[in-house]
Amino acid sequence: GSGPAPGPVALVLQDVTEARRVEAVRRDFVANVGHELKT
């Protein structure tokens, strides 16, 4: 309602496992490409 007392807490969870894995692969790929091209 309009009272000051806090009510329930809602937690919304979104799985980001694959997104983080892709980000890590992309970072590694860019780093490896840079190293391989430098040689």
PDB file of all heavy atoms in Angstrom:
ATOM      1  N   GLY A   1       0.832  -1.199   0.000  1.00  0.00           N
ATOM      2  CA  GLY A   1       0.000   0.000   0.000  1.00  0.00           C
ATOM      3  C   GLY A   1       0.861   1.242   0.000  1.00  0.00           C
ATOM      4  O   GLY A   1       1.891   1.332  -0.647  1.00  0.00           O
ATOM      5  N   SER A   2       0.465   2.241   0.770  1.00  0.00           N
ATOM      6  CA  SER A   2       1.197   3.504   0.833  1.00  0.00           C
ATOM      7  C   SER A   2       1.956   3.650   2.137  1.00  0.00           C
ATOM      8  O   SER A   2       2.526   4.692   2.411  1.00  0.00           O
ATOM      9  CB  SER A   2       0.206   4.671   0.683  1.00  0.00           C
ATOM     10  OG  SER A   2      -0.772   4.611   1.712  1.00  0.00           O
ATOM     11  N   GLY A   3       1.969   2.616   2.962  1.00  0.00           N
ATOM     12  CA  GLY A   3       2.659   2.701   4.243  1.00  0.00           C
ATOM     13  C   GLY A   3       4.151   2.652   4.080  1.00  0.00           C
ATOM     14  O   GLY A   3       4.680   2.217   3.063  1.00  0.00           O
ATOM     15  N   PRO A   4       4.899   3.066   5.113  1.00  0.00           N
ATOM     16  CA  PRO A   4       6.355   3.110   5.024  1.00  0.00           C
ATOM     17  C   PRO A   4       7.012   1.743   5.233  1.00  0.00           C
ATOM     18  O   PRO A   4       8.169   1.570   4.892  1.00  0.00           O
ATOM     19  CB  PRO A   4       6.735   4.079   6.150  1.00  0.00           C
ATOM     20  CG  PRO A   4       5.628   3.923   7.161  1.00  0.00           C
ATOM     21  CD  PRO A   4       4.388   3.660   6.372  1.00  0.00           C
ATOM     22  N   ALA A   5       6.306   0.807   5.824  1.00  0.00           N
ATOM     23  CA  ALA A   5       6.921  -0.486   6.123  1.00  0.00           C
ATOM     24  C   ALA A   5       7.222  -1.244   4.833  1.00  0.00           C
ATOM     25  O   ALA A   5       6.375  -1.327   3.952  1.00  0.00           O
ATOM     26  CB  ALA A   5       5.994  -1.316   7.013  1.00  0.00           C
ATOM     27  N   PRO A   6       8.441  -1.788   4.709  1.00  0.00           N
ATOM     28  CA  PRO A   6       8.788  -2.532   3.501  1.00  0.00           C
ATOM     29  C   PRO A   6       7.998  -3.831   3.406  1.00  0.00           C
ATOM     30  O   PRO A   6       7.758  -4.494   4.402  1.00  0.00           O
ATOM     31  CB  PRO A   6      10.285  -2.799   3.661  1.00  0.00           C
ATOM     32  CG  PRO A   6      10.519  -2.770   5.128  1.00  0.00           C
ATOM     33  CD  PRO A   6       9.569  -1.752   5.671  1.00  0.00           C
ATOM     34  N   GLY A   7       7.611  -4.148   2.214  1.00  0.00           N
ATOM     35  CA  GLY A   7       6.905  -5.396   1.990  1.00  0.00           C
ATOM     36  C   GLY A   7       7.855  -6.480   1.527  1.00  0.00           C
ATOM     37  O   GLY A   7       9.055  -6.436   1.824  1.00  0.00           O
ATOM     38  N   PRO A   8       7.346  -7.446   0.783  1.00  0.00           N
ATOM     39  CA  PRO A   8       8.205  -8.540   0.296  1.00  0.00           C
ATOM     40  C   PRO A   8       9.298  -8.026  -0.647  1.00  0.00           C
ATOM     41  O   PRO A   8       9.218  -6.929  -1.185  1.00  0.00           O
ATOM     42  CB  PRO A   8       7.223  -9.447  -0.434  1.00  0.00           C
ATOM     43  CG  PRO A   8       5.873  -9.076   0.092  1.00  0.00           C
ATOM     44  CD  PRO A   8       5.942  -7.622   0.417  1.00  0.00           C
ATOM     45  N   VAL A   9      10.292  -8.873  -0.827  1.00  0.00           N
ATOM     46  CA  VAL A   9      11.393  -8.581  -1.750  1.00  0.00           C
ATOM     47  C   VAL A   9      11.309  -9.552  -2.918  1.00  0.00           C
ATOM     48  O   VAL A   9      11.203 -10.769  -2.715  1.00  0.00           O
ATOM     49  CB  VAL A   9      12.754  -8.708  -1.045  1.00  0.00           C
ATOM     50  CG1 VAL A   9      13.891  -8.641  -2.070  1.00  0.00           C
ATOM     51  CG2 VAL A   9      12.923  -7.614  -0.008  1.00  0.00           C
ATOM     52  N   ALA A  10      11.357  -9.019  -4.122  1.00  0.00           N
ATOM     53  CA  ALA A  10      11.356  -9.840  -5.336  1.00  0.00           C
ATOM     54  C   ALA A  10      12.771  -9.920  -5.889  1.00  0.00           C
ATOM     55  O   ALA A  10      13.459  -8.904  -6.015  1.00  0.00           O
ATOM     56  CB  ALA A  10      10.411  -9.252  -6.385  1.00  0.00           C
ATOM     57  N   LEU A  11      13.195 -11.137  -6.195  1.00  0.00           N
ATOM     58  CA  LEU A  11      14.489 -11.376  -6.848  1.00  0.00           C
ATOM     59  C   LEU A  11      14.228 -11.943  -8.235  1.00  0.00           C
ATOM     60  O   LEU A  11      13.548 -12.966  -8.371  1.00  0.00           O
ATOM     61  CB  LEU A  11      15.338 -12.350  -6.033  1.00  0.00           C
ATOM     62  CG  LEU A  11      15.701 -11.942  -4.605  1.00  0.00           C
ATOM     63  CD1 LEU A  11      16.525 -13.044  -3.944  1.00  0.00           C
ATOM     64  CD2 LEU A  11      16.460 -10.625  -4.583  1.00  0.00           C
ATOM     65  N   VAL A  12      14.757 -11.300  -9.256  1.00  0.00           N
ATOM     66  CA  VAL A  12      14.622 -11.755 -10.641  1.00  0.00           C
ATOM     67  C   VAL A  12      16.008 -12.171 -11.128  1.00  0.00           C
ATOM     68  O   VAL A  12      16.932 -11.356 -11.148  1.00  0.00           O
ATOM     69  CB  VAL A  12      14.041 -10.652 -11.545  1.00  0.00           C
ATOM     70  CG1 VAL A  12      13.838 -11.166 -12.963  1.00  0.00           C
ATOM     71  CG2 VAL A  12      12.720 -10.136 -10.974  1.00  0.00           C
ATOM     72  N   LEU A  13      16.146 -13.443 -11.507  1.00  0.00           N
ATOM     73  CA  LEU A  13      17.447 -14.004 -11.880  1.00  0.00           C
ATOM     74  C   LEU A  13      17.469 -14.329 -13.370  1.00  0.00           C
ATOM     75  O   LEU A  13      16.596 -15.050 -13.863  1.00  0.00           O
ATOM     76  CB  LEU A  13      17.741 -15.276 -11.091  1.00  0.00           C
ATOM     77  CG  LEU A  13      18.025 -15.152  -9.589  1.00  0.00           C
ATOM     78  CD1 LEU A  13      16.756 -14.915  -8.788  1.00  0.00           C
ATOM     79  CD2 LEU A  13      18.718 -16.403  -9.076  1.00  0.00           C
ATOM     80  N   GLN A  14      18.468 -13.808 -14.065  1.00  0.00           N
ATOM     81  CA  GLN A  14      18.666 -14.081 -15.487  1.00  0.00           C
ATOM     82  C   GLN A  14      19.995 -14.810 -15.661  1.00  0.00           C
ATOM     83  O   GLN A  14      21.040 -14.316 -15.224  1.00  0.00           O
ATOM     84  CB  GLN A  14      18.673 -12.779 -16.292  1.00  0.00           C
ATOM     85  CG  GLN A  14      18.753 -12.967 -17.793  1.00  0.00           C
ATOM     86  CD  GLN A  14      17.445 -13.437 -18.398  1.00  0.00           C
ATOM     87  OE1 GLN A  14      16.380 -13.093 -17.921  1.00  0.00           O
ATOM     88  NE2 GLN A  14      17.532 -14.248 -19.441  1.00  0.00           N
ATOM     89  N   ASP A  15      19.970 -15.995 -16.295  1.00  0.00           N
ATOM     90  CA  ASP A  15      21.187 -16.778 -16.495  1.00  0.00           C
ATOM     91  C   ASP A  15      22.092 -16.080 -17.520  1.00  0.00           C
ATOM     92  O   ASP A  15      21.695 -15.866 -18.666  1.00  0.00           O
ATOM     93  CB  ASP A  15      20.826 -18.184 -16.990  1.00  0.00           C
ATOM     94  CG  ASP A  15      22.010 -19.145 -16.958  1.00  0.00           C
ATOM     95  OD1 ASP A  15      23.155 -18.669 -16.904  1.00  0.00           O
ATOM     96  OD2 ASP A  15      21.793 -20.366 -16.981  1.00  0.00           O
ATOM     97  N   VAL A  16      23.295 -15.712 -17.098  1.00  0.00           N
ATOM     98  CA  VAL A  16      24.245 -15.041 -17.995  1.00  0.00           C
ATOM     99  C   VAL A  16      25.505 -15.878 -18.187  1.00  0.00           C
ATOM    100  O   VAL A  16      26.536 -15.379 -18.611  1.00  0.00           O
ATOM    101  CB  VAL A  16      24.613 -13.636 -17.454  1.00  0.00           C
ATOM    102  CG1 VAL A  16      23.404 -12.727 -17.446  1.00  0.00           C
ATOM    103  CG2 VAL A  16      25.224 -13.721 -16.051  1.00  0.00           C
ATOM    104  N   THR A  17      25.409 -17.181 -17.868  1.00  0.00           N
ATOM    105  CA  THR A  17      26.583 -18.056 -17.952  1.00  0.00           C
ATOM    106  C   THR A  17      27.176 -18.062 -19.351  1.00  0.00           C
ATOM    107  O   THR A  17      28.385 -17.877 -19.537  1.00  0.00           O
ATOM    108  CB  THR A  17      26.197 -19.490 -17.546  1.00  0.00           C
ATOM    109  OG1 THR A  17      25.569 -19.475 -16.263  1.00  0.00           O
ATOM    110  CG2 THR A  17      27.428 -20.376 -17.489  1.00  0.00           C
ATOM    111  N   GLU A  18      26.334 -18.286 -20.361  1.00  0.00           N
ATOM    112  CA  GLU A  18      26.818 -18.367 -21.735  1.00  0.00           C
ATOM    113  C   GLU A  18      27.361 -17.025 -22.200  1.00  0.00           C
ATOM    114  O   GLU A  18      28.379 -16.963 -22.905  1.00  0.00           O
ATOM    115  CB  GLU A  18      25.697 -18.842 -22.655  1.00  0.00           C
ATOM    116  CG  GLU A  18      26.101 -18.999 -24.116  1.00  0.00           C
ATOM    117  CD  GLU A  18      27.165 -20.061 -24.328  1.00  0.00           C
ATOM    118  OE1 GLU A  18      27.389 -20.879 -23.414  1.00  0.00           O
ATOM    119  OE2 GLU A  18      27.764 -20.071 -25.415  1.00  0.00           O
ATOM    120  N   ALA A  19      26.696 -15.943 -21.814  1.00  0.00           N
ATOM    121  CA  ALA A  19      27.173 -14.615 -22.213  1.00  0.00           C
ATOM    122  C   ALA A  19      28.558 -14.341 -21.649  1.00  0.00           C
ATOM    123  O   ALA A  19      29.430 -13.798 -22.341  1.00  0.00           O
ATOM    124  CB  ALA A  19      26.195 -13.545 -21.733  1.00  0.00           C
ATOM    125  N   ARG A  20      28.784 -14.701 -20.384  1.00  0.00           N
ATOM    126  CA  ARG A  20      30.105 -14.494 -19.785  1.00  0.00           C
ATOM    127  C   ARG A  20      31.152 -15.386 -20.435  1.00  0.00           C
ATOM    128  O   ARG A  20      32.307 -14.988 -20.618  1.00  0.00           O
ATOM    129  CB  ARG A  20      30.043 -14.763 -18.272  1.00  0.00           C
ATOM    130  CG  ARG A  20      29.137 -13.802 -17.520  1.00  0.00           C
ATOM    131  CD  ARG A  20      29.657 -12.371 -17.608  1.00  0.00           C
ATOM    132  NE  ARG A  20      28.729 -11.424 -17.007  1.00  0.00           N
ATOM    133  CZ  ARG A  20      27.813 -10.749 -17.684  1.00  0.00           C
ATOM    134  NH1 ARG A  20      27.714 -10.894 -19.006  1.00  0.00           N
ATOM    135  NH2 ARG A  20      26.998  -9.904 -17.074  1.00  0.00           N
ATOM    136  N   ARG A  21      30.760 -16.617 -20.790  1.00  0.00           N
ATOM    137  CA  ARG A  21      31.707 -17.516 -21.455  1.00  0.00           C
ATOM    138  C   ARG A  21      32.118 -16.949 -22.811  1.00  0.00           C
ATOM    139  O   ARG A  21      33.302 -16.963 -23.167  1.00  0.00           O
ATOM    140  CB  ARG A  21      31.075 -18.895 -21.642  1.00  0.00           C
ATOM    141  CG  ARG A  21      32.037 -19.946 -22.198  1.00  0.00           C
ATOM    142  CD  ARG A  21      31.313 -21.172 -22.685  1.00  0.00           C
ATOM    143  NE  ARG A  21      30.502 -20.902 -23.844  1.00  0.00           N
ATOM    144  CZ  ARG A  21      31.001 -20.827 -25.088  1.00  0.00           C
ATOM    145  NH1 ARG A  21      32.305 -21.002 -25.294  1.00  0.00           N
ATOM    146  NH2 ARG A  21      30.217 -20.574 -26.106  1.00  0.00           N
ATOM    147  N   VAL A  22      31.143 -16.442 -23.555  1.00  0.00           N
ATOM    148  CA  VAL A  22      31.439 -15.866 -24.873  1.00  0.00           C
ATOM    149  C   VAL A  22      32.345 -14.648 -24.725  1.00  0.00           C
ATOM    150  O   VAL A  22      33.277 -14.448 -25.517  1.00  0.00           O
ATOM    151  CB  VAL A  22      30.129 -15.497 -25.595  1.00  0.00           C
ATOM    152  CG1 VAL A  22      30.421 -14.680 -26.847  1.00  0.00           C
ATOM    153  CG2 VAL A  22      29.345 -16.748 -25.954  1.00  0.00           C
ATOM    154  N   GLU A  23      32.089 -13.826 -23.720  1.00  0.00           N
ATOM    155  CA  GLU A  23      32.940 -12.660 -23.483  1.00  0.00           C
ATOM    156  C   GLU A  23      34.375 -13.084 -23.195  1.00  0.00           C
ATOM    157  O   GLU A  23      35.338 -12.483 -23.699  1.00  0.00           O
ATOM    158  CB  GLU A  23      32.393 -11.845 -22.316  1.00  0.00           C
ATOM    159  CG  GLU A  23      31.109 -11.084 -22.629  1.00  0.00           C
ATOM    160  CD  GLU A  23      30.534 -10.406 -21.405  1.00  0.00           C
ATOM    161  OE1 GLU A  23      31.204 -10.453 -20.341  1.00  0.00           O
ATOM    162  OE2 GLU A  23      29.439  -9.840 -21.480  1.00  0.00           O
ATOM    163  N   ALA A  24      34.535 -14.130 -22.374  1.00  0.00           N
ATOM    164  CA  ALA A  24      35.880 -14.606 -22.045  1.00  0.00           C
ATOM    165  C   ALA A  24      36.583 -15.158 -23.285  1.00  0.00           C
ATOM    166  O   ALA A  24      37.771 -14.907 -23.505  1.00  0.00           O
ATOM    167  CB  ALA A  24      35.797 -15.679 -20.958  1.00  0.00           C
ATOM    168  N   VAL A  25      35.838 -15.910 -24.106  1.00  0.00           N
ATOM    169  CA  VAL A  25      36.416 -16.454 -25.338  1.00  0.00           C
ATOM    170  C   VAL A  25      36.837 -15.327 -26.264  1.00  0.00           C
ATOM    171  O   VAL A  25      37.912 -15.359 -26.876  1.00  0.00           O
ATOM    172  CB  VAL A  25      35.401 -17.385 -26.035  1.00  0.00           C
ATOM    173  CG1 VAL A  25      35.870 -17.734 -27.445  1.00  0.00           C
ATOM    174  CG2 VAL A  25      35.206 -18.656 -25.221  1.00  0.00           C
ATOM    175  N   ARG A  26      35.986 -14.291 -26.360  1.00  0.00           N
ATOM    176  CA  ARG A  26      36.320 -13.157 -27.233  1.00  0.00           C
ATOM    177  C   ARG A  26      37.579 -12.437 -26.739  1.00  0.00           C
ATOM    178  O   ARG A  26      38.446 -12.064 -27.541  1.00  0.00           O
ATOM    179  CB  ARG A  26      35.131 -12.193 -27.296  1.00  0.00           C
ATOM    180  CG  ARG A  26      35.330 -11.044 -28.283  1.00  0.00           C
ATOM    181  CD  ARG A  26      34.141 -10.111 -28.300  1.00  0.00           C
ATOM    182  NE  ARG A  26      32.942 -10.770 -28.792  1.00  0.00           N
ATOM    183  CZ  ARG A  26      31.876 -11.053 -28.062  1.00  0.00           C
ATOM    184  NH1 ARG A  26      31.856 -10.716 -26.784  1.00  0.00           N
ATOM    185  NH2 ARG A  26      30.842 -11.643 -28.580  1.00  0.00           N
ATOM    186  N   ARG A  27      37.675 -12.237 -25.426  1.00  0.00           N
ATOM    187  CA  ARG A  27      38.874 -11.578 -24.888  1.00  0.00           C
ATOM    188  C   ARG A  27      40.125 -12.402 -25.173  1.00  0.00           C
ATOM    189  O   ARG A  27      41.155 -11.863 -25.605  1.00  0.00           O
ATOM    190  CB  ARG A  27      38.721 -11.372 -23.379  1.00  0.00           C
ATOM    191  CG  ARG A  27      37.776 -10.238 -22.992  1.00  0.00           C
ATOM    192  CD  ARG A  27      37.967  -9.867 -21.537  1.00  0.00           C
ATOM    193  NE  ARG A  27      37.743 -11.006 -20.659  1.00  0.00           N
ATOM    194  CZ  ARG A  27      36.569 -11.319 -20.124  1.00  0.00           C
ATOM    195  NH1 ARG A  27      35.507 -10.575 -20.404  1.00  0.00           N
ATOM    196  NH2 ARG A  27      36.441 -12.357 -19.322  1.00  0.00           N
ATOM    197  N   ASP A  28      40.032 -13.718 -24.937  1.00  0.00           N
ATOM    198  CA  ASP A  28      41.182 -14.582 -25.197  1.00  0.00           C
ATOM    199  C   ASP A  28      41.552 -14.575 -26.679  1.00  0.00           C
ATOM    200  O   ASP A  28      42.734 -14.574 -27.036  1.00  0.00           O
ATOM    201  CB  ASP A  28      40.880 -16.008 -24.742  1.00  0.00           C
ATOM    202  CG  ASP A  28      40.784 -16.128 -23.234  1.00  0.00           C
ATOM    203  OD1 ASP A  28      41.244 -15.195 -22.537  1.00  0.00           O
ATOM    204  OD2 ASP A  28      40.241 -17.140 -22.747  1.00  0.00           O
ATOM    205  N   PHE A  29      40.516 -14.579 -27.516  1.00  0.00           N
ATOM    206  CA  PHE A  29      40.767 -14.612 -28.955  1.00  0.00           C
ATOM    207  C   PHE A  29      41.495 -13.356 -29.411  1.00  0.00           C
ATOM    208  O   PHE A  29      42.480 -13.423 -30.157  1.00  0.00           O
ATOM    209  CB  PHE A  29      39.439 -14.761 -29.693  1.00  0.00           C
ATOM    210  CG  PHE A  29      39.588 -14.832 -31.188  1.00  0.00           C
ATOM    211  CD1 PHE A  29      40.186 -15.924 -31.787  1.00  0.00           C
ATOM    212  CD2 PHE A  29      39.122 -13.809 -31.997  1.00  0.00           C
ATOM    213  CE1 PHE A  29      40.323 -15.994 -33.163  1.00  0.00           C
ATOM    214  CE2 PHE A  29      39.248 -13.873 -33.378  1.00  0.00           C
ATOM    215  CZ  PHE A  29      39.849 -14.963 -33.958  1.00  0.00           C
ATOM    216  N   VAL A  30      41.027 -12.204 -28.960  1.00  0.00           N
ATOM    217  CA  VAL A  30      41.671 -10.941 -29.328  1.00  0.00           C
ATOM    218  C   VAL A  30      43.106 -10.899 -28.828  1.00  0.00           C
ATOM    219  O   VAL A  30      44.031 -10.497 -29.547  1.00  0.00           O
ATOM    220  CB  VAL A  30      40.868  -9.747 -28.774  1.00  0.00           C
ATOM    221  CG1 VAL A  30      41.631  -8.441 -28.972  1.00  0.00           C
ATOM    222  CG2 VAL A  30      39.504  -9.659 -29.452  1.00  0.00           C
ATOM    223  N   ALA A  31      43.314 -11.360 -27.583  1.00  0.00           N
ATOM    224  CA  ALA A  31      44.675 -11.370 -27.034  1.00  0.00           C
ATOM    225  C   ALA A  31      45.578 -12.307 -27.828  1.00  0.00           C
ATOM    226  O   ALA A  31      46.735 -11.968 -28.133  1.00  0.00           O
ATOM    227  CB  ALA A  31      44.634 -11.784 -25.566  1.00  0.00           C
ATOM    228  N   ASN A  32      45.059 -13.490 -28.197  1.00  0.00           N
ATOM    229  CA  ASN A  32      45.858 -14.458 -28.945  1.00  0.00           C
ATOM    230  C   ASN A  32      46.167 -13.960 -30.353  1.00  0.00           C
ATOM    231  O   ASN A  32      47.283 -14.143 -30.857  1.00  0.00           O
ATOM    232  CB  ASN A  32      45.123 -15.799 -29.022  1.00  0.00           C
ATOM    233  CG  ASN A  32      45.166 -16.553 -27.707  1.00  0.00           C
ATOM    234  OD1 ASN A  32      46.120 -16.442 -26.952  1.00  0.00           O
ATOM    235  ND2 ASN A  32      44.125 -17.307 -27.418  1.00  0.00           N
ATOM    236  N   VAL A  33      45.172 -13.348 -30.987  1.00  0.00           N
ATOM    237  CA  VAL A  33      45.408 -12.813 -32.330  1.00  0.00           C
ATOM    238  C   VAL A  33      46.497 -11.753 -32.293  1.00  0.00           C
ATOM    239  O   VAL A  33      47.410 -11.733 -33.137  1.00  0.00           O
ATOM    240  CB  VAL A  33      44.102 -12.230 -32.913  1.00  0.00           C
ATOM    241  CG1 VAL A  33      44.397 -11.413 -34.165  1.00  0.00           C
ATOM    242  CG2 VAL A  33      43.132 -13.343 -33.261  1.00  0.00           C
ATOM    243  N   GLY A  34      46.402 -10.864 -31.306  1.00  0.00           N
ATOM    244  CA  GLY A  34      47.427  -9.830 -31.183  1.00  0.00           C
ATOM    245  C   GLY A  34      48.819 -10.417 -30.998  1.00  0.00           C
ATOM    246  O   GLY A  34      49.787  -9.965 -31.629  1.00  0.00           O
ATOM    247  N   HIS A  35      48.909 -11.451 -30.167  1.00  0.00           N
ATOM    248  CA  HIS A  35      50.211 -12.081 -29.924  1.00  0.00           C
ATOM    249  C   HIS A  35      50.726 -12.763 -31.189  1.00  0.00           C
ATOM    250  O   HIS A  35      51.912 -12.646 -31.538  1.00  0.00           O
ATOM    251  CB  HIS A  35      50.081 -13.102 -28.793  1.00  0.00           C
ATOM    252  CG  HIS A  35      51.325 -13.892 -28.561  1.00  0.00           C
ATOM    253  ND1 HIS A  35      52.436 -13.371 -27.925  1.00  0.00           N
ATOM    254  CD2 HIS A  35      51.646 -15.178 -28.890  1.00  0.00           C
ATOM    255  CE1 HIS A  35      53.381 -14.285 -27.868  1.00  0.00           C
ATOM    256  NE2 HIS A  35      52.936 -15.387 -28.439  1.00  0.00           N
ATOM    257  N   GLU A  36      49.841 -13.491 -31.874  1.00  0.00           N
ATOM    258  CA  GLU A  36      50.267 -14.222 -33.065  1.00  0.00           C
ATOM    259  C   GLU A  36      50.674 -13.271 -34.194  1.00  0.00           C
ATOM    260  O   GLU A  36      51.590 -13.569 -34.960  1.00  0.00           O
ATOM    261  CB  GLU A  36      49.142 -15.142 -33.539  1.00  0.00           C
ATOM    262  CG  GLU A  36      48.818 -16.272 -32.575  1.00  0.00           C
ATOM    263  CD  GLU A  36      49.963 -17.257 -32.429  1.00  0.00           C
ATOM    264  OE1 GLU A  36      50.749 -17.416 -33.389  1.00  0.00           O
ATOM    265  OE2 GLU A  36      50.082 -17.875 -31.358  1.00  0.00           O
ATOM    266  N   LEU A  37      49.997 -12.149 -34.317  1.00  0.00           N
ATOM    267  CA  LEU A  37      50.340 -11.202 -35.377  1.00  0.00           C
ATOM    268  C   LEU A  37      51.644 -10.470 -35.085  1.00  0.00           C
ATOM    269  O   LEU A  37      52.385 -10.121 -36.014  1.00  0.00           O
ATOM    270  CB  LEU A  37      49.206 -10.180 -35.561  1.00  0.00           C
ATOM    271  CG  LEU A  37      47.926 -10.689 -36.221  1.00  0.00           C
ATOM    272  CD1 LEU A  37      46.852  -9.604 -36.197  1.00  0.00           C
ATOM    273  CD2 LEU A  37      48.193 -11.125 -37.662  1.00  0.00           C
ATOM    274  N   LYS A  38      51.924 -10.243 -33.794  1.00  0.00           N
ATOM    275  CA  LYS A  38      53.148  -9.511 -33.456  1.00  0.00           C
ATOM    276  C   LYS A  38      54.401 -10.260 -33.885  1.00  0.00           C
ATOM    277  O   LYS A  38      55.402  -9.644 -34.256  1.00  0.00           O
ATOM    278  CB  LYS A  38      53.201  -9.246 -31.948  1.00  0.00           C
ATOM    279  CG  LYS A  38      52.345  -8.100 -31.494  1.00  0.00           C
ATOM    280  CD  LYS A  38      52.698  -7.670 -30.077  1.00  0.00           C
ATOM    281  CE  LYS A  38      52.632  -8.819 -29.084  1.00  0.00           C
ATOM    282  NZ  LYS A  38      52.899  -8.372 -27.705  1.00  0.00           N
ATOM    283  N   THR A  39      54.361 -11.593 -33.830  1.00  0.00           N
ATOM    284  CA  THR A  39      55.573 -12.368 -34.120  1.00  0.00           C
ATOM    285  C   THR A  39      56.052 -12.188 -35.561  1.00  0.00           C
ATOM    286  O   THR A  39      57.192 -11.763 -35.789  1.00  0.00           O
ATOM    287  CB  THR A  39      55.332 -13.853 -33.806  1.00  0.00           C
ATOM    288  OG1 THR A  39      54.960 -13.989 -32.429  1.00  0.00           O
ATOM    289  CG2 THR A  39      56.585 -14.671 -34.067  1.00  0.00           C
TER     290      THR A  39
END
